[in-house]
């Protein structure tokens, strides 16, 4: 998708809802999505820990810590 398409979609949504309502909707959506984002990040960190035989415990632990640090 292009940025123009997204810009147009947000402008249309803003005109339908109004600026304040749009901000409220986006804030609520961000909060709801962060729950799923954190779950996905944790799943990725666990998968990285499974690479221990190939990369060693120190390397995989460091990667997993880095990925977990991306949670909100």
C-alpha atoms as a PDB file:
ATOM      1  CA  UNK A   1       0.000   0.000   0.000  1.00  0.00           C
ATOM      2  CA  UNK A   2       1.152   3.473  -0.690  1.00  0.00           C
ATOM      3  CA  UNK A   3       1.412   6.287   1.807  1.00  0.00           C
ATOM      4  CA  UNK A   4      -1.026   8.292  -0.302  1.00  0.00           C
ATOM      5  CA  UNK A   5      -3.691   5.633   0.139  1.00  0.00           C
ATOM      6  CA  UNK A   6      -3.210   5.652   3.912  1.00  0.00           C
ATOM      7  CA  UNK A   7      -3.230   9.440   4.048  1.00  0.00           C
ATOM      8  CA  UNK A   8      -6.478   9.543   2.109  1.00  0.00           C
ATOM      9  CA  UNK A   9      -8.038   6.893   4.340  1.00  0.00           C
ATOM     10  CA  UNK A  10      -7.097   8.806   7.510  1.00  0.00           C
ATOM     11  CA  UNK A  11      -8.431  12.061   6.065  1.00  0.00           C
ATOM     12  CA  UNK A  12     -11.726  10.374   5.217  1.00  0.00           C
ATOM     13  CA  UNK A  13     -11.951   8.791   8.671  1.00  0.00           C
ATOM     14  CA  UNK A  14     -11.119  12.119  10.306  1.00  0.00           C
ATOM     15  CA  UNK A  15     -13.822  13.888   8.318  1.00  0.00           C
ATOM     16  CA  UNK A  16     -16.377  11.261   9.329  1.00  0.00           C
ATOM     17  CA  UNK A  17     -15.462  11.050  13.006  1.00  0.00           C
ATOM     18  CA  UNK A  18     -13.935  14.408  13.738  1.00  0.00           C
ATOM     19  CA  UNK A  19     -10.389  14.980  14.939  1.00  0.00           C
ATOM     20  CA  UNK A  20     -11.003  14.349  18.667  1.00  0.00           C
ATOM     21  CA  UNK A  21     -12.929  11.133  18.107  1.00  0.00           C
ATOM     22  CA  UNK A  22     -10.271   9.867  15.685  1.00  0.00           C
ATOM     23  CA  UNK A  23      -7.534  10.472  18.272  1.00  0.00           C
ATOM     24  CA  UNK A  24      -9.592   8.587  20.862  1.00  0.00           C
ATOM     25  CA  UNK A  25     -10.145   5.642  18.499  1.00  0.00           C
ATOM     26  CA  UNK A  26      -6.448   5.480  17.536  1.00  0.00           C
ATOM     27  CA  UNK A  27      -5.349   5.635  21.182  1.00  0.00           C
ATOM     28  CA  UNK A  28      -7.677   2.775  22.112  1.00  0.00           C
ATOM     29  CA  UNK A  29      -6.515   0.745  19.122  1.00  0.00           C
ATOM     30  CA  UNK A  30      -2.857   1.255  20.021  1.00  0.00           C
ATOM     31  CA  UNK A  31      -3.531   0.002  23.552  1.00  0.00           C
ATOM     32  CA  UNK A  32      -5.350  -3.085  22.317  1.00  0.00           C
ATOM     33  CA  UNK A  33      -2.705  -3.909  19.731  1.00  0.00           C
ATOM     34  CA  UNK A  34       0.176  -3.546  22.204  1.00  0.00           C
ATOM     35  CA  UNK A  35      -1.156  -6.584  24.093  1.00  0.00           C
ATOM     36  CA  UNK A  36      -0.856  -8.719  20.951  1.00  0.00           C
ATOM     37  CA  UNK A  37       2.461  -7.122  20.043  1.00  0.00           C
ATOM     38  CA  UNK A  38       3.950  -8.136  23.387  1.00  0.00           C
ATOM     39  CA  UNK A  39       2.647 -11.686  22.988  1.00  0.00           C
ATOM     40  CA  UNK A  40       4.246 -11.968  19.556  1.00  0.00           C
ATOM     41  CA  UNK A  41       7.542 -10.568  20.841  1.00  0.00           C
ATOM     42  CA  UNK A  42       7.583 -13.122  23.664  1.00  0.00           C
ATOM     43  CA  UNK A  43       6.881 -15.935  21.208  1.00  0.00           C
ATOM     44  CA  UNK A  44       9.789 -14.787  19.042  1.00  0.00           C
ATOM     45  CA  UNK A  45      12.122 -14.621  22.067  1.00  0.00           C
ATOM     46  CA  UNK A  46      11.195 -18.188  23.019  1.00  0.00           C
ATOM     47  CA  UNK A  47      11.894 -19.378  19.477  1.00  0.00           C
ATOM     48  CA  UNK A  48      15.296 -17.664  19.522  1.00  0.00           C
ATOM     49  CA  UNK A  49      16.140 -19.534  22.722  1.00  0.00           C
ATOM     50  CA  UNK A  50      15.597 -22.746  20.755  1.00  0.00           C
ATOM     51  CA  UNK A  51      18.682 -21.978  18.661  1.00  0.00           C
ATOM     52  CA  UNK A  52      20.991 -22.628  21.620  1.00  0.00           C
ATOM     53  CA  UNK A  53      22.636 -25.739  20.082  1.00  0.00           C
ATOM     54  CA  UNK A  54      23.627 -23.766  16.989  1.00  0.00           C
ATOM     55  CA  UNK A  55      24.728 -20.486  18.563  1.00  0.00           C
ATOM     56  CA  UNK A  56      25.390 -21.222  22.224  1.00  0.00           C
ATOM     57  CA  UNK A  57      23.611 -20.141  25.393  1.00  0.00           C
ATOM     58  CA  UNK A  58      25.266 -16.727  25.687  1.00  0.00           C
ATOM     59  CA  UNK A  59      24.411 -15.604  22.169  1.00  0.00           C
ATOM     60  CA  UNK A  60      20.838 -16.838  22.194  1.00  0.00           C
ATOM     61  CA  UNK A  61      20.228 -15.415  25.666  1.00  0.00           C
ATOM     62  CA  UNK A  62      21.542 -12.043  24.529  1.00  0.00           C
ATOM     63  CA  UNK A  63      19.289 -12.070  21.470  1.00  0.00           C
ATOM     64  CA  UNK A  64      16.262 -13.109  23.539  1.00  0.00           C
ATOM     65  CA  UNK A  65      16.921 -10.318  26.060  1.00  0.00           C
ATOM     66  CA  UNK A  66      17.234  -7.811  23.222  1.00  0.00           C
ATOM     67  CA  UNK A  67      13.944  -8.940  21.664  1.00  0.00           C
ATOM     68  CA  UNK A  68      12.121  -8.907  25.010  1.00  0.00           C
ATOM     69  CA  UNK A  69      13.353  -5.343  25.491  1.00  0.00           C
ATOM     70  CA  UNK A  70      11.169  -4.367  22.535  1.00  0.00           C
ATOM     71  CA  UNK A  71       7.982  -4.964  24.539  1.00  0.00           C
ATOM     72  CA  UNK A  72       5.920  -1.927  25.409  1.00  0.00           C
END
